[in-house]
């Protein structure tokens, strides 16, 4: 049995106990104990097992879905003051956000509310929780694109820097980008986001820098999925006299997914920027 299978089996057992008794104590204690926090890397395998198992349970029974939804929302709301970055209890928020995305992905009735919770969590000061939001976005896009895409458009057009960061990080996922329609949507969201970056006057906040750093690699994933129009767009960006846009272009040109597959094109754009 693989480690992931072991996690899924144990999470399923503990979720069953919670659904039978209404007491989540044993489940929460297990998540905290196995969080790998404090440490450089949280237990992503366990968080994935939690979200997958929650999704399966929620899809199988509407009553269980309601109980699991309340549980995940409660976990997602564990405050930064009570579980700061690196604290083992931060993992509860991480799993709660992942669970919200998982349930929304199999429940059209919950999808819009899940997107609203993810939007709120995108502004969390804890970077791990913000990463969980991007994963939740991926879950929604994979199964509820009709709900997720308009929500992400709203985040990019009128949201905060961190909401935009969640949107671009969420759409930049190779399995999603293999779908031509989602790839075109991802490029559209990046275009709109980079217009807002270009127009921005305030660029020193941590939130802006988090978005900028994300764009430093997400754009290359989208271009790799749509190399024709993607590289044409990158050439356009390379002509702009803007330090942050130029930094984003240069960072994406460093990515091997572009350099190894399209060395001549990458070389031409680098020469153009020299």
Protein backbone atom coordinates (compact mmCIF):
# COMPACT_ATOMS: atom_id res chain seq x y z
CA UNK A 1 0.00 0.00 0.00
CA UNK A 2 1.40 3.40 -0.99
CA UNK A 3 1.60 6.29 1.44
CA UNK A 4 -1.25 8.03 -0.36
CA UNK A 5 -3.42 4.92 -0.13
CA UNK A 6 -2.64 4.70 3.58
CA UNK A 7 -3.68 8.32 4.05
CA UNK A 8 -6.91 7.82 2.09
CA UNK A 9 -7.81 4.75 4.13
CA UNK A 10 -7.19 6.53 7.44
CA UNK A 11 -8.98 9.73 6.39
CA UNK A 12 -11.97 7.68 5.19
CA UNK A 13 -12.10 5.91 8.54
CA UNK A 14 -11.94 9.17 10.48
CA UNK A 15 -14.46 10.92 8.23
CA UNK A 16 -16.85 8.01 8.71
CA UNK A 17 -16.47 8.38 12.45
CA UNK A 18 -17.17 12.10 12.22
CA UNK A 19 -20.27 11.55 10.08
CA UNK A 20 -21.58 8.92 12.48
CA UNK A 21 -20.95 10.86 15.70
CA UNK A 22 -20.75 14.52 14.68
CA UNK A 23 -17.45 14.76 16.56
CA UNK A 24 -14.45 15.71 14.41
CA UNK A 25 -11.91 15.59 17.25
CA UNK A 26 -10.05 12.46 16.12
CA UNK A 27 -9.92 13.66 12.52
CA UNK A 28 -8.55 17.07 13.46
CA UNK A 29 -5.99 15.56 15.83
CA UNK A 30 -4.78 13.28 13.03
CA UNK A 31 -4.46 16.13 10.51
CA UNK A 32 -2.51 18.26 12.98
CA UNK A 33 -0.23 15.40 14.03
CA UNK A 34 0.57 14.43 10.43
CA UNK A 35 0.81 17.99 9.06
CA UNK A 36 4.64 17.96 8.85
CA UNK A 37 4.51 21.44 10.38
CA UNK A 38 6.49 23.23 11.55
CA UNK A 39 8.74 22.49 8.59
CA UNK A 40 9.52 23.66 5.08
CA UNK A 41 6.85 21.56 3.42
CA UNK A 42 3.38 20.70 4.67
CA UNK A 43 2.01 17.21 4.08
CA UNK A 44 0.56 17.77 0.61
CA UNK A 45 -0.11 14.07 0.11
CA UNK A 46 -2.34 14.00 3.19
CA UNK A 47 -4.14 17.18 2.12
CA UNK A 48 -4.74 15.62 -1.29
CA UNK A 49 -6.06 12.45 0.32
CA UNK A 50 -8.37 14.56 2.50
CA UNK A 51 -9.80 16.52 -0.45
CA UNK A 52 -10.24 13.42 -2.63
CA UNK A 53 -11.99 11.50 0.14
CA UNK A 54 -14.22 14.46 1.03
CA UNK A 55 -15.18 14.73 -2.63
CA UNK A 56 -16.08 11.05 -2.87
CA UNK A 57 -18.13 11.10 0.34
CA UNK A 58 -19.89 14.32 -0.69
CA UNK A 59 -20.78 12.95 -4.11
CA UNK A 60 -22.22 9.76 -2.60
CA UNK A 61 -24.68 11.20 -0.06
CA UNK A 62 -26.37 14.64 0.15
CA UNK A 63 -26.62 14.51 3.95
CA UNK A 64 -22.93 13.70 4.25
CA UNK A 65 -22.20 16.51 1.81
CA UNK A 66 -23.93 19.05 4.04
CA UNK A 67 -22.03 17.88 7.12
CA UNK A 68 -18.70 17.86 5.27
CA UNK A 69 -19.35 21.31 3.84
CA UNK A 70 -19.89 22.74 7.33
CA UNK A 71 -16.75 21.00 8.56
CA UNK A 72 -14.58 22.31 5.73
CA UNK A 73 -15.88 25.85 6.11
CA UNK A 74 -15.15 25.70 9.83
CA UNK A 75 -11.60 24.47 9.17
CA UNK A 76 -11.00 27.09 6.49
CA UNK A 77 -11.99 29.76 8.99
CA UNK A 78 -9.26 28.87 11.51
CA UNK A 79 -7.78 32.35 11.87
CA UNK A 80 -4.15 33.32 11.24
CA UNK A 81 -3.99 34.60 14.81
CA UNK A 82 -4.81 31.13 16.11
CA UNK A 83 -2.75 29.21 13.54
CA UNK A 84 0.03 31.35 12.09
CA UNK A 85 2.30 30.30 9.24
CA UNK A 86 4.19 27.15 10.17
CA UNK A 87 1.94 26.21 13.09
CA UNK A 88 0.60 22.64 12.76
CA UNK A 89 -2.95 24.00 13.07
CA UNK A 90 -2.42 26.00 9.87
CA UNK A 91 -2.82 22.65 8.12
CA UNK A 92 -6.46 22.60 9.20
CA UNK A 93 -7.11 25.78 7.22
CA UNK A 94 -5.21 24.35 4.26
CA UNK A 95 -7.32 21.17 4.29
CA UNK A 96 -10.54 23.12 4.81
CA UNK A 97 -9.90 25.25 1.73
CA UNK A 98 -9.02 22.16 -0.30
CA UNK A 99 -12.23 20.50 0.92
CA UNK A 100 -14.36 23.49 -0.10
CA UNK A 101 -12.98 23.27 -3.63
CA UNK A 102 -13.49 19.51 -3.70
CA UNK A 103 -17.15 19.69 -2.62
CA UNK A 104 -17.87 22.57 -4.97
CA UNK A 105 -16.43 20.53 -7.81
CA UNK A 106 -19.05 17.76 -7.43
CA UNK A 107 -21.98 19.88 -6.28
CA UNK A 108 -23.40 22.48 -8.69
CA UNK A 109 -25.44 23.80 -5.75
CA UNK A 110 -22.24 24.51 -3.79
CA UNK A 111 -19.99 25.62 -6.66
CA UNK A 112 -20.80 29.33 -6.53
CA UNK A 113 -20.57 29.45 -2.73
CA UNK A 114 -17.29 27.54 -2.93
CA UNK A 115 -15.91 30.16 -5.31
CA UNK A 116 -16.95 32.91 -2.88
CA UNK A 117 -15.13 31.17 -0.01
CA UNK A 118 -12.04 30.72 -2.19
CA UNK A 119 -12.11 34.42 -3.12
CA UNK A 120 -12.15 35.35 0.56
CA UNK A 121 -9.37 32.91 1.39
CA UNK A 122 -7.22 34.25 -1.47
CA UNK A 123 -6.43 37.26 0.76
CA UNK A 124 -5.24 35.11 3.67
CA UNK A 125 -1.85 36.30 4.97
CA UNK A 126 -0.58 32.70 5.06
CA UNK A 127 1.03 31.70 1.78
CA UNK A 128 0.17 28.01 2.22
CA UNK A 129 -3.52 28.83 2.52
CA UNK A 130 -3.28 30.94 -0.63
CA UNK A 131 -1.71 27.96 -2.40
CA UNK A 132 -4.66 25.85 -1.25
CA UNK A 133 -6.96 28.39 -2.90
CA UNK A 134 -5.20 27.88 -6.24
CA UNK A 135 -5.67 24.13 -5.86
CA UNK A 136 -9.35 24.67 -5.05
CA UNK A 137 -9.68 26.78 -8.18
CA UNK A 138 -8.24 23.89 -10.18
CA UNK A 139 -10.82 21.51 -8.68
CA UNK A 140 -13.67 23.83 -9.64
CA UNK A 141 -12.33 24.42 -13.15
CA UNK A 142 -11.95 20.70 -13.77
CA UNK A 143 -15.58 19.86 -12.99
CA UNK A 144 -17.61 23.10 -12.81
CA UNK A 145 -16.06 25.37 -15.46
CA UNK A 146 -19.34 27.15 -16.24
CA UNK A 147 -19.36 28.48 -12.67
CA UNK A 148 -15.62 28.85 -12.17
CA UNK A 149 -14.69 30.77 -15.31
CA UNK A 150 -17.02 33.78 -14.76
CA UNK A 151 -15.89 33.94 -11.13
CA UNK A 152 -12.25 34.07 -12.15
CA UNK A 153 -13.04 36.75 -14.72
CA UNK A 154 -14.49 38.82 -11.87
CA UNK A 155 -11.42 38.24 -9.70
CA UNK A 156 -9.14 39.47 -12.47
CA UNK A 157 -11.23 42.42 -13.60
CA UNK A 158 -12.16 43.82 -10.21
CA UNK A 159 -10.42 41.83 -7.52
CA UNK A 160 -7.38 42.42 -5.37
CA UNK A 161 -3.82 41.54 -6.33
CA UNK A 162 -4.09 38.36 -4.27
CA UNK A 163 -7.35 37.33 -5.93
CA UNK A 164 -5.63 37.78 -9.29
CA UNK A 165 -2.71 35.75 -8.03
CA UNK A 166 -5.08 32.91 -7.10
CA UNK A 167 -6.72 33.09 -10.54
CA UNK A 168 -3.52 32.91 -12.59
CA UNK A 169 -2.02 30.23 -10.33
CA UNK A 170 -5.23 28.22 -10.51
CA UNK A 171 -5.54 28.23 -14.30
CA UNK A 172 -1.84 27.46 -14.89
CA UNK A 173 -2.17 23.70 -14.44
CA UNK A 174 -1.03 21.40 -17.28
CA UNK A 175 -3.99 18.99 -17.13
CA UNK A 176 -6.44 21.90 -17.39
CA UNK A 177 -4.42 23.60 -20.11
CA UNK A 178 -4.64 20.44 -22.21
CA UNK A 179 -8.26 21.46 -22.87
CA UNK A 180 -8.11 24.05 -25.69
CA UNK A 181 -11.03 26.10 -24.40
CA UNK A 182 -9.55 26.32 -20.89
CA UNK A 183 -6.14 27.17 -22.34
CA UNK A 184 -7.61 30.08 -24.28
CA UNK A 185 -9.42 31.21 -21.14
CA UNK A 186 -6.15 31.02 -19.19
CA UNK A 187 -4.40 33.22 -21.76
CA UNK A 188 -7.27 35.69 -21.62
CA UNK A 189 -7.03 35.91 -17.83
CA UNK A 190 -3.27 36.46 -18.03
CA UNK A 191 -3.76 39.23 -20.60
CA UNK A 192 -6.27 41.02 -18.37
CA UNK A 193 -4.08 40.56 -15.30
CA UNK A 194 -1.00 41.93 -17.05
CA UNK A 195 -2.97 44.96 -18.26
CA UNK A 196 -3.75 45.72 -14.62
CA UNK A 197 -0.08 45.23 -13.71
CA UNK A 198 0.96 47.58 -16.51
CA UNK A 199 -1.52 50.23 -15.37
CA UNK A 200 -0.66 49.91 -11.68
CA UNK A 201 0.82 52.87 -9.84
CA UNK A 202 1.23 51.15 -6.45
CA UNK A 203 3.70 48.30 -6.86
CA UNK A 204 5.49 47.95 -3.54
CA UNK A 205 2.94 45.96 -1.51
CA UNK A 206 3.49 42.33 -0.57
CA UNK A 207 0.29 41.46 -2.42
CA UNK A 208 1.51 42.99 -5.69
CA UNK A 209 4.86 41.24 -5.34
CA UNK A 210 3.10 37.90 -4.73
CA UNK A 211 1.16 38.36 -7.97
CA UNK A 212 4.27 39.41 -9.86
CA UNK A 213 6.21 36.37 -8.62
CA UNK A 214 3.38 34.06 -9.67
CA UNK A 215 3.25 35.60 -13.15
CA UNK A 216 6.99 34.94 -13.39
CA UNK A 217 6.22 31.28 -14.11
CA UNK A 218 2.49 30.82 -14.77
CA UNK A 219 2.62 32.59 -18.14
CA UNK A 220 5.12 30.05 -19.50
CA UNK A 221 2.69 27.21 -18.74
CA UNK A 222 -0.03 28.94 -20.74
CA UNK A 223 2.35 29.71 -23.61
CA UNK A 224 3.49 26.07 -23.70
CA UNK A 225 -0.16 25.07 -24.17
CA UNK A 226 -0.75 27.70 -26.90
CA UNK A 227 2.67 28.35 -28.43
CA UNK A 228 1.41 30.12 -31.56
CA UNK A 229 -0.62 32.93 -30.04
CA UNK A 230 1.26 32.61 -26.74
CA UNK A 231 4.66 33.54 -28.14
CA UNK A 232 3.12 36.32 -30.21
CA UNK A 233 1.71 37.76 -26.99
CA UNK A 234 5.08 37.36 -25.24
CA UNK A 235 6.75 39.29 -28.08
CA UNK A 236 4.25 42.10 -27.55
CA UNK A 237 4.97 42.18 -23.83
CA UNK A 238 8.70 42.28 -24.53
CA UNK A 239 8.30 45.61 -26.34
CA UNK A 240 6.81 47.36 -23.30
CA UNK A 241 9.01 49.77 -21.37
CA UNK A 242 7.93 48.57 -17.94
CA UNK A 243 10.34 47.09 -15.42
CA UNK A 244 7.89 44.63 -13.89
CA UNK A 245 6.52 43.41 -17.22
CA UNK A 246 10.07 42.96 -18.52
CA UNK A 247 10.98 41.01 -15.36
CA UNK A 248 7.95 38.73 -15.85
CA UNK A 249 8.88 38.11 -19.51
CA UNK A 250 12.52 37.33 -18.65
CA UNK A 251 11.54 34.96 -15.83
CA UNK A 252 9.21 33.00 -18.11
CA UNK A 253 11.88 32.77 -20.80
CA UNK A 254 14.09 31.00 -18.24
CA UNK A 255 11.57 28.17 -17.88
CA UNK A 256 12.81 24.95 -19.49
CA UNK A 257 9.33 24.16 -20.78
CA UNK A 258 9.89 26.99 -23.26
CA UNK A 259 13.66 27.02 -23.67
CA UNK A 260 14.05 23.31 -24.42
CA UNK A 261 11.11 23.06 -26.83
CA UNK A 262 11.42 26.43 -28.54
CA UNK A 263 15.06 27.54 -28.18
CA UNK A 264 15.11 29.63 -31.37
CA UNK A 265 11.96 31.56 -30.49
CA UNK A 266 13.15 32.14 -26.93
CA UNK A 267 16.50 33.34 -28.26
CA UNK A 268 14.82 35.80 -30.60
CA UNK A 269 12.73 37.34 -27.81
CA UNK A 270 15.77 37.60 -25.53
CA UNK A 271 17.66 39.38 -28.31
CA UNK A 272 14.72 41.69 -28.82
CA UNK A 273 14.89 42.69 -25.14
CA UNK A 274 18.68 43.15 -25.03
